[in-house]
Protein backbone atom coordinates (compact mmCIF):
# COMPACT_ATOMS: atom_id res chain seq x y z
CA MET A 1 -26.16 -143.01 135.04
CA ARG A 2 -27.33 -145.93 137.34
CA THR A 3 -28.66 -149.30 134.87
CA LEU A 4 -30.55 -151.84 135.16
CA ALA A 5 -26.89 -153.81 135.18
CA ASP A 6 -26.17 -151.59 138.69
CA LEU A 7 -29.13 -153.21 140.93
CA PRO A 8 -28.58 -155.95 143.13
CA ASP A 9 -31.01 -159.87 142.37
CA LEU A 10 -34.27 -158.99 142.00
CA LYS A 11 -35.64 -162.00 142.21
CA SER A 12 -38.80 -161.62 144.71
CA LYS A 13 -38.47 -158.29 144.70
CA ARG A 14 -41.17 -155.36 144.40
CA VAL A 15 -39.44 -153.19 141.39
CA ILE A 16 -41.68 -150.34 140.75
CA VAL A 17 -41.16 -149.14 136.98
CA ARG A 18 -42.55 -145.80 136.01
CA CYS A 19 -43.20 -146.47 132.13
CA ASP A 20 -44.99 -143.18 130.10
CA LEU A 21 -48.04 -145.23 129.00
CA ASN A 22 -50.06 -141.83 127.09
CA VAL A 23 -51.15 -143.70 124.43
CA PRO A 24 -54.23 -142.18 122.16
CA LEU A 25 -57.12 -143.78 122.93
CA ASP A 26 -61.12 -143.40 121.12
CA GLY A 27 -63.00 -144.40 123.94
CA SER A 28 -61.72 -147.31 125.19
CA ARG A 29 -59.66 -148.36 122.18
CA ILE A 30 -56.45 -147.74 122.23
CA THR A 31 -54.94 -145.98 118.53
CA ASP A 32 -51.37 -146.06 119.00
CA ASP A 33 -49.78 -148.83 120.94
CA GLY A 34 -45.96 -147.62 120.24
CA ARG A 35 -45.31 -146.68 123.54
CA ILE A 36 -46.53 -149.94 125.26
CA ILE A 37 -44.93 -151.94 123.01
CA ALA A 38 -41.36 -149.45 123.84
CA SER A 39 -41.83 -150.25 127.72
CA LEU A 40 -41.31 -154.05 126.71
CA PRO A 41 -37.69 -154.52 126.82
CA THR A 42 -37.54 -153.67 130.98
CA LEU A 43 -40.02 -154.73 131.91
CA THR A 44 -39.71 -158.68 129.82
CA TYR A 45 -36.19 -158.21 131.20
CA LEU A 46 -36.96 -157.55 134.89
CA LEU A 47 -39.72 -160.76 134.76
CA GLU A 48 -36.97 -163.03 133.49
CA GLN A 49 -35.24 -161.60 136.93
CA GLY A 50 -38.22 -163.22 138.60
CA ALA A 51 -38.89 -159.83 140.16
CA LYS A 52 -42.69 -158.47 141.00
CA VAL A 53 -43.78 -155.77 138.45
CA ILE A 54 -45.54 -152.82 139.37
CA VAL A 55 -45.69 -150.79 136.45
CA ILE A 56 -46.96 -146.80 137.09
CA SER A 57 -47.94 -144.03 134.41
CA HIS A 58 -49.78 -141.22 133.53
CA LEU A 59 -52.40 -141.12 130.47
CA GLY A 60 -53.77 -137.76 129.66
CA ARG A 61 -54.63 -134.94 131.84
CA PRO A 62 -56.84 -135.44 134.43
CA ASP A 63 -56.02 -132.33 136.61
CA GLY A 64 -55.89 -134.34 140.37
CA SER A 65 -58.93 -136.34 140.48
CA PRO A 66 -60.61 -139.85 138.82
CA VAL A 67 -61.77 -139.48 135.13
CA SER A 68 -62.89 -142.51 133.94
CA LYS A 69 -62.22 -141.48 130.28
CA TYR A 70 -58.16 -141.36 131.76
CA SER A 71 -57.78 -144.82 133.26
CA LEU A 72 -55.43 -147.02 132.53
CA GLU A 73 -56.66 -150.59 132.72
CA PRO A 74 -57.36 -150.61 129.10
CA VAL A 75 -53.49 -150.27 128.82
CA ALA A 76 -53.07 -153.16 131.30
CA ASN A 77 -55.30 -155.21 128.97
CA ARG A 78 -53.11 -154.33 126.08
CA LEU A 79 -49.53 -155.03 128.22
CA GLY A 80 -51.31 -158.07 129.29
CA GLU A 81 -51.76 -158.88 125.20
CA LEU A 82 -48.12 -157.83 124.64
CA LEU A 83 -46.35 -160.20 127.30
CA ASP A 84 -48.84 -162.89 126.61
CA THR A 85 -49.11 -162.94 130.41
CA SER A 86 -51.77 -162.01 132.51
CA VAL A 87 -51.35 -158.42 134.32
CA SER A 88 -53.68 -157.38 136.93
CA PHE A 89 -54.99 -153.80 137.52
CA SER A 90 -55.70 -152.00 140.71
CA SER A 91 -58.26 -149.21 139.96
CA THR A 92 -56.54 -146.96 142.77
CA THR A 93 -52.50 -145.83 142.86
CA THR A 94 -52.15 -146.27 146.49
CA GLY A 95 -53.78 -146.94 149.68
CA GLU A 96 -55.63 -150.34 150.82
CA ASP A 97 -56.65 -151.79 147.41
CA ALA A 98 -53.17 -151.04 145.35
CA ALA A 99 -51.38 -152.47 149.06
CA SER A 100 -53.23 -155.58 148.54
CA LYS A 101 -52.88 -156.29 145.15
CA VAL A 102 -49.03 -155.51 145.48
CA SER A 103 -48.96 -157.73 148.74
CA ASN A 104 -50.65 -160.97 146.19
CA LEU A 105 -48.30 -160.30 143.16
CA GLU A 106 -45.59 -163.55 143.00
CA ASP A 107 -42.13 -163.74 141.14
CA GLY A 108 -42.78 -162.71 137.37
CA GLN A 109 -45.77 -161.39 137.69
CA VAL A 110 -46.91 -157.60 136.73
CA LEU A 111 -49.74 -155.44 138.57
CA VAL A 112 -50.11 -151.80 136.89
CA LEU A 113 -51.69 -148.89 139.57
CA GLU A 114 -54.17 -146.24 137.94
CA ASN A 115 -53.32 -143.36 136.67
CA LEU A 116 -51.04 -141.21 138.66
CA ARG A 117 -52.14 -138.07 137.66
CA PHE A 118 -55.65 -139.11 139.52
CA ASN A 119 -53.57 -137.77 142.59
CA PRO A 120 -53.01 -134.25 143.04
CA GLY A 121 -49.46 -135.07 144.46
CA GLU A 122 -48.02 -136.19 141.42
CA THR A 123 -48.13 -132.91 139.69
CA ALA A 124 -48.12 -130.80 142.45
CA LYS A 125 -46.13 -127.37 142.14
CA ASP A 126 -45.37 -127.82 145.98
CA GLU A 127 -42.57 -130.18 146.68
CA ALA A 128 -43.72 -131.01 149.98
CA GLU A 129 -46.79 -132.92 148.37
CA ARG A 130 -45.20 -134.50 145.47
CA VAL A 131 -42.57 -135.72 148.34
CA ALA A 132 -46.24 -136.87 150.61
CA PHE A 133 -47.13 -138.33 147.02
CA ALA A 134 -44.42 -140.06 146.48
CA ARG A 135 -43.47 -141.88 149.65
CA GLU A 136 -46.87 -143.42 149.50
CA LEU A 137 -45.06 -145.03 146.06
CA ALA A 138 -42.20 -145.70 147.83
CA SER A 139 -44.28 -147.96 150.28
CA LEU A 140 -44.95 -150.45 147.28
CA GLY A 141 -41.56 -151.52 146.20
CA ASP A 142 -38.56 -152.05 147.29
CA PHE A 143 -36.48 -150.77 143.85
CA PHE A 144 -37.62 -148.17 141.53
CA VAL A 145 -36.80 -148.28 137.74
CA SER A 146 -37.51 -145.06 135.54
CA ASP A 147 -38.12 -145.82 132.48
CA GLY A 148 -41.20 -143.12 131.17
CA PHE A 149 -38.41 -140.95 128.82
CA GLY A 150 -41.35 -138.99 127.74
CA VAL A 151 -41.92 -137.34 131.14
CA VAL A 152 -38.10 -137.07 132.37
CA HIS A 153 -38.29 -133.45 131.81
CA ARG A 154 -40.74 -132.83 134.67
CA LYS A 155 -40.54 -132.22 138.69
CA GLN A 156 -43.03 -134.53 138.97
CA ALA A 157 -43.28 -136.83 142.01
CA SER A 158 -43.08 -140.24 140.31
CA VAL A 159 -40.47 -139.08 137.59
CA TYR A 160 -38.12 -136.85 140.28
CA GLU A 161 -38.96 -137.50 144.29
CA LEU A 162 -40.13 -141.38 144.00
CA PRO A 163 -36.34 -142.62 142.48
CA GLY A 164 -35.04 -140.27 145.68
CA LEU A 165 -36.76 -142.65 147.91
CA LEU A 166 -35.65 -146.29 146.99
CA PRO A 167 -32.59 -147.58 144.69
CA SER A 168 -33.42 -146.77 141.52
CA SER A 169 -32.26 -146.88 137.80
CA ALA A 170 -32.70 -145.70 134.31
CA GLY A 171 -34.61 -148.48 132.03
CA PHE A 172 -33.39 -149.85 128.71
CA LEU A 173 -35.58 -147.58 126.97
CA ILE A 174 -34.16 -144.51 128.63
CA GLN A 175 -30.97 -145.68 127.97
CA GLN A 176 -31.10 -146.15 123.92
CA GLU A 177 -33.26 -142.54 123.97
CA LEU A 178 -30.05 -140.97 125.58
CA GLU A 179 -27.49 -143.38 123.50
CA VAL A 180 -29.33 -141.75 119.99
CA LEU A 181 -30.08 -138.23 121.49
CA THR A 182 -26.43 -138.07 122.52
CA ARG A 183 -25.16 -139.21 118.83
CA LEU A 184 -27.29 -136.51 117.29
CA THR A 185 -25.81 -133.46 119.70
CA HIS A 186 -22.12 -134.89 119.64
CA THR A 187 -21.47 -136.92 117.00
CA PRO A 188 -23.72 -136.71 114.29
CA GLU A 189 -22.34 -138.07 110.55
CA ARG A 190 -22.25 -135.91 107.80
CA PRO A 191 -24.43 -134.22 105.64
CA TYR A 192 -26.95 -133.61 108.85
CA ALA A 193 -30.55 -132.83 108.12
CA VAL A 194 -32.98 -131.43 110.85
CA VAL A 195 -36.33 -131.41 109.69
CA LEU A 196 -38.84 -129.13 111.64
CA GLY A 197 -42.66 -128.80 110.71
CA GLY A 198 -45.85 -128.86 113.56
CA SER A 199 -47.68 -125.54 114.10
CA LYS A 200 -45.61 -123.10 116.33
CA VAL A 201 -42.43 -121.74 115.45
CA SER A 202 -42.37 -120.66 119.39
CA ASP A 203 -42.38 -124.36 120.60
CA LYS A 204 -39.19 -124.74 117.99
CA LEU A 205 -37.42 -122.06 118.88
CA GLY A 206 -34.75 -123.18 121.71
CA VAL A 207 -33.95 -126.27 118.98
CA ILE A 208 -33.57 -124.19 116.44
CA ASP A 209 -31.30 -122.31 118.42
CA HIS A 210 -28.96 -125.15 120.06
CA LEU A 211 -29.04 -127.14 116.42
CA LEU A 212 -27.75 -123.97 114.55
CA PRO A 213 -24.30 -124.47 115.03
CA HIS A 214 -24.39 -128.25 114.32
CA VAL A 215 -26.35 -129.15 111.18
CA ASN A 216 -25.96 -129.04 107.77
CA GLN A 217 -29.69 -128.24 106.11
CA LEU A 218 -32.43 -127.15 108.38
CA LEU A 219 -35.67 -127.84 106.42
CA ILE A 220 -38.98 -125.96 107.89
CA GLY A 221 -42.55 -127.14 106.86
CA GLY A 222 -45.42 -127.53 108.74
CA GLY A 223 -47.87 -124.59 110.17
CA MET A 224 -44.83 -122.75 111.49
CA VAL A 225 -42.85 -122.18 108.02
CA PHE A 226 -45.64 -119.22 107.47
CA THR A 227 -43.91 -116.96 109.81
CA PHE A 228 -40.15 -118.02 107.92
CA LEU A 229 -42.28 -117.07 104.86
CA ALA A 230 -43.75 -113.92 106.39
CA ALA A 231 -40.36 -113.10 107.82
CA LEU A 232 -39.53 -113.47 103.95
CA GLY A 233 -41.44 -110.67 103.12
CA ASN A 234 -44.57 -113.00 101.83
CA LYS A 235 -48.25 -112.70 102.90
CA VAL A 236 -49.71 -115.81 103.99
CA GLY A 237 -53.21 -115.54 103.98
CA ALA A 238 -54.98 -117.18 107.08
CA SER A 239 -52.51 -119.17 107.60
CA LEU A 240 -51.05 -119.75 110.87
CA LEU A 241 -48.50 -117.28 111.84
CA GLU A 242 -46.93 -116.04 114.93
CA VAL A 243 -46.42 -112.15 114.31
CA ASP A 244 -44.49 -111.76 117.41
CA GLN A 245 -41.72 -114.24 116.43
CA ILE A 246 -40.66 -112.72 112.92
CA GLU A 247 -37.72 -110.96 113.63
CA THR A 248 -36.77 -113.96 115.86
CA VAL A 249 -37.08 -115.79 112.77
CA ARG A 250 -35.14 -113.31 110.06
CA GLY A 251 -32.54 -113.56 113.39
CA TYR A 252 -32.14 -116.95 112.88
CA LEU A 253 -31.86 -117.03 108.98
CA LYS A 254 -29.12 -114.85 109.24
CA ARG A 255 -27.51 -116.67 111.85
CA ALA A 256 -28.00 -119.75 109.63
CA GLU A 257 -26.54 -117.97 106.71
CA GLU A 258 -23.44 -117.00 108.83
CA LEU A 259 -22.95 -120.48 109.70
CA GLY A 260 -23.08 -121.67 106.06
CA VAL A 261 -26.39 -123.34 107.08
CA GLU A 262 -28.96 -124.34 103.87
CA VAL A 263 -32.23 -123.52 105.65
CA VAL A 264 -34.79 -124.86 102.93
CA LEU A 265 -38.12 -123.76 102.78
CA PRO A 266 -40.97 -124.52 100.68
CA THR A 267 -41.22 -123.48 96.89
CA ASP A 268 -45.05 -124.16 97.43
CA ILE A 269 -47.58 -124.48 99.31
CA VAL A 270 -51.53 -126.45 99.11
CA VAL A 271 -53.75 -124.02 100.27
CA ALA A 272 -57.09 -124.33 101.63
CA SER A 273 -60.35 -122.98 101.66
CA LYS A 274 -61.10 -123.68 104.72
CA PHE A 275 -59.54 -126.30 107.75
CA GLY A 276 -61.56 -129.69 106.94
CA ALA A 277 -61.90 -132.73 104.89
CA ASP A 278 -64.43 -131.23 102.84
CA ALA A 279 -62.25 -127.97 101.93
CA GLU A 280 -61.37 -126.86 98.49
CA PHE A 281 -57.96 -126.21 97.63
CA GLN A 282 -54.65 -125.47 95.89
CA VAL A 283 -51.07 -125.88 94.97
CA THR A 284 -49.50 -122.28 94.55
CA LYS A 285 -45.86 -120.59 95.07
CA ALA A 286 -45.41 -120.32 98.24
CA SER A 287 -44.99 -116.56 97.16
CA GLU A 288 -48.12 -116.11 96.26
CA ILE A 289 -50.55 -117.54 98.63
CA GLU A 290 -53.09 -114.45 98.66
CA GLU A 291 -53.10 -114.94 94.77
CA THR A 292 -55.61 -118.23 94.79
CA PRO A 293 -59.09 -117.76 94.51
CA PHE A 294 -59.47 -118.11 97.74
CA GLY A 295 -57.58 -114.52 98.52
CA SER A 296 -56.58 -113.60 102.13
CA SER A 297 -58.65 -116.39 103.87
CA GLY A 298 -56.80 -118.83 101.90
CA LEU A 299 -55.29 -121.62 104.77
CA GLY A 300 -52.05 -123.51 103.76
CA LEU A 301 -52.42 -126.82 105.23
CA ASP A 302 -49.65 -128.91 103.64
CA ILE A 303 -45.98 -128.43 101.32
CA GLY A 304 -46.96 -128.64 98.00
CA PRO A 305 -45.61 -131.62 95.57
CA GLU A 306 -42.76 -129.58 94.49
CA SER A 307 -41.47 -128.82 97.93
CA ALA A 308 -42.15 -132.34 99.15
CA LEU A 309 -39.87 -133.65 96.46
CA ALA A 310 -37.37 -131.01 97.02
CA PHE A 311 -37.36 -131.81 100.91
CA ALA A 312 -37.09 -135.60 100.11
CA GLU A 313 -34.11 -135.62 97.97
CA VAL A 314 -32.46 -133.60 100.78
CA ILE A 315 -33.04 -135.93 103.37
CA ARG A 316 -32.07 -138.70 101.38
CA GLY A 317 -28.77 -137.55 100.39
CA ALA A 318 -28.19 -137.31 104.37
CA LYS A 319 -26.08 -139.21 106.66
CA THR A 320 -28.12 -138.10 109.76
CA VAL A 321 -31.62 -136.61 109.67
CA PHE A 322 -33.85 -135.73 112.75
CA TRP A 323 -37.77 -135.02 111.83
CA ASN A 324 -40.10 -133.12 114.54
CA GLY A 325 -43.20 -131.97 113.59
CA PRO A 326 -45.54 -132.93 110.51
CA MET A 327 -45.41 -131.04 107.26
CA GLY A 328 -49.05 -130.47 107.07
CA VAL A 329 -52.43 -131.89 108.56
CA PHE A 330 -51.43 -135.17 107.94
CA GLU A 331 -54.52 -136.35 109.10
CA ILE A 332 -57.06 -135.48 106.15
CA GLU A 333 -55.47 -137.45 103.19
CA ALA A 334 -55.71 -134.36 101.00
CA PHE A 335 -52.82 -132.45 103.36
CA ALA A 336 -51.29 -135.63 103.76
CA ASN A 337 -48.81 -135.88 101.24
CA GLY A 338 -46.11 -133.62 102.13
CA THR A 339 -45.70 -135.78 105.71
CA LYS A 340 -45.73 -138.64 103.93
CA GLN A 341 -42.55 -137.54 101.47
CA VAL A 342 -40.84 -136.97 104.07
CA ALA A 343 -41.31 -140.65 106.12
CA GLN A 344 -40.67 -142.12 103.40
CA ALA A 345 -37.72 -140.39 102.12
CA LEU A 346 -36.65 -141.02 106.04
CA SER A 347 -37.16 -144.52 105.92
CA GLU A 348 -34.56 -144.87 103.21
CA VAL A 349 -31.58 -142.59 104.99
CA ASP A 350 -28.65 -144.75 104.50
CA GLY A 351 -27.41 -143.75 107.95
CA LEU A 352 -29.11 -142.63 111.69
CA SER A 353 -32.91 -141.72 110.98
CA VAL A 354 -34.58 -140.26 113.79
CA VAL A 355 -38.48 -139.36 114.30
CA GLY A 356 -38.51 -136.90 116.94
CA GLY A 357 -41.80 -138.59 119.05
CA GLY A 358 -45.36 -136.40 119.19
CA ASP A 359 -47.32 -135.95 116.42
CA SER A 360 -44.20 -136.86 113.93
CA ALA A 361 -44.90 -140.38 115.72
CA ALA A 362 -48.30 -140.97 115.36
CA ALA A 363 -48.07 -139.61 111.29
CA VAL A 364 -45.96 -142.21 111.12
CA ARG A 365 -48.07 -144.93 112.08
CA ILE A 366 -51.36 -143.68 110.42
CA LEU A 367 -49.84 -143.14 107.06
CA GLY A 368 -48.56 -146.64 107.42
CA PHE A 369 -44.51 -147.22 108.35
CA GLU A 370 -43.40 -149.62 110.38
CA ASP A 371 -41.36 -148.49 113.24
CA SER A 372 -38.81 -150.52 111.76
CA ALA A 373 -38.80 -148.53 109.13
CA PHE A 374 -36.51 -145.71 111.09
CA SER A 375 -33.35 -146.14 113.01
CA HIS A 376 -35.39 -144.42 116.56
CA ILE A 377 -38.76 -143.03 116.74
CA SER A 378 -38.56 -141.23 120.39
CA THR A 379 -41.23 -141.89 122.70
CA GLY A 380 -40.80 -138.46 123.87
CA GLY A 381 -41.66 -135.36 121.63
CA GLY A 382 -41.57 -132.57 124.54
CA ALA A 383 -38.71 -134.47 126.23
CA SER A 384 -36.42 -135.35 122.82
CA LEU A 385 -36.78 -131.23 122.25
CA GLU A 386 -35.16 -130.17 125.54
CA PHE A 387 -32.65 -132.62 125.46
CA LEU A 388 -31.65 -131.09 121.88
CA GLU A 389 -32.00 -127.54 123.46
CA GLY A 390 -29.61 -128.46 125.97
CA LYS A 391 -31.87 -128.54 128.96
CA THR A 392 -31.38 -130.01 131.99
CA MET A 393 -33.79 -132.75 132.70
CA PRO A 394 -34.65 -133.41 136.18
CA GLY A 395 -35.77 -136.91 135.97
CA LEU A 396 -32.40 -137.67 134.28
CA GLU A 397 -30.11 -135.89 136.87
CA VAL A 398 -31.66 -137.72 139.66
CA LEU A 399 -30.28 -140.86 138.24
CA LYS A 400 -26.97 -139.74 138.24
């Protein structure tokens, strides 16, 4: 794969950098700037080379037309603070305003263009539309650097078509993500534990299928655990359940047994009367969810304290751990313990500890953990999972 070292002298050159600055916002306030921070090494390097840096990204899903709440202007402001330099902003992605602001850039300056997804060509299913938009973007630059790992699994104009129109390379973030994920799939130090949570089993089927032959322990929590419990014959009340995946899960449990993989399921569950911070709740055995006072309407919203300690013990004993998906509804304090215990144990691993992006990355920050507590926090939840599934990544293939 082409890297920054493969590019020629960049002084005075216009370098378009595709970042993933899709950060969570509360109004115009950024609630987690982790993805912006992750883009800094590549941007800093380019500025030190004397390049004129043009940052492009998406934010949210505005469906091909401008939506004010998805403007990248707050991101541009925060990027300026983090780089400790003035960062200019174009209210358009292409066209006269963008071209004018690019032409006014001096060496070592940064311009952020407005949300790529305000243009329907970015995510168009029609290749010709994507190519047309990519050509408009390419006209603004001399070189292209792909550093938005969270989108490399998508065939989108700025990810797939644009790199073919300019001399291009991967940035430092993509290099780092690939190094870590390759270690997880090819050279993991053992014992190797994978912790999966989140709401749906169906979102993780590919990962389970691909990683089962490679891991020593598979720990299951979050909403997806109830399909596993149902596969073992347990009643799960009104908890999240994918009935159509029960047989698939039974197949994975059987395969794990044949491979000698230990599947660790919770022995106790925090069951609530409803979804909400004011819900009544009770800890019960995982096999007795409907025997609480809430009966068949009880909702499992976290793994129980006994399970959290058992999960933590397995994690601390591993040399390689990959975690994707919270153990419960961590945003509500009463149902955050499982996720907190897993994060704490992961921070104490004597080896490689990887937080697999998405909700897991948000959880560790919301719960007060520093990024430095872990070996790596991925910036791409979906991209990380697809890489671990062994899928082809269009945005990486085009950089070869």
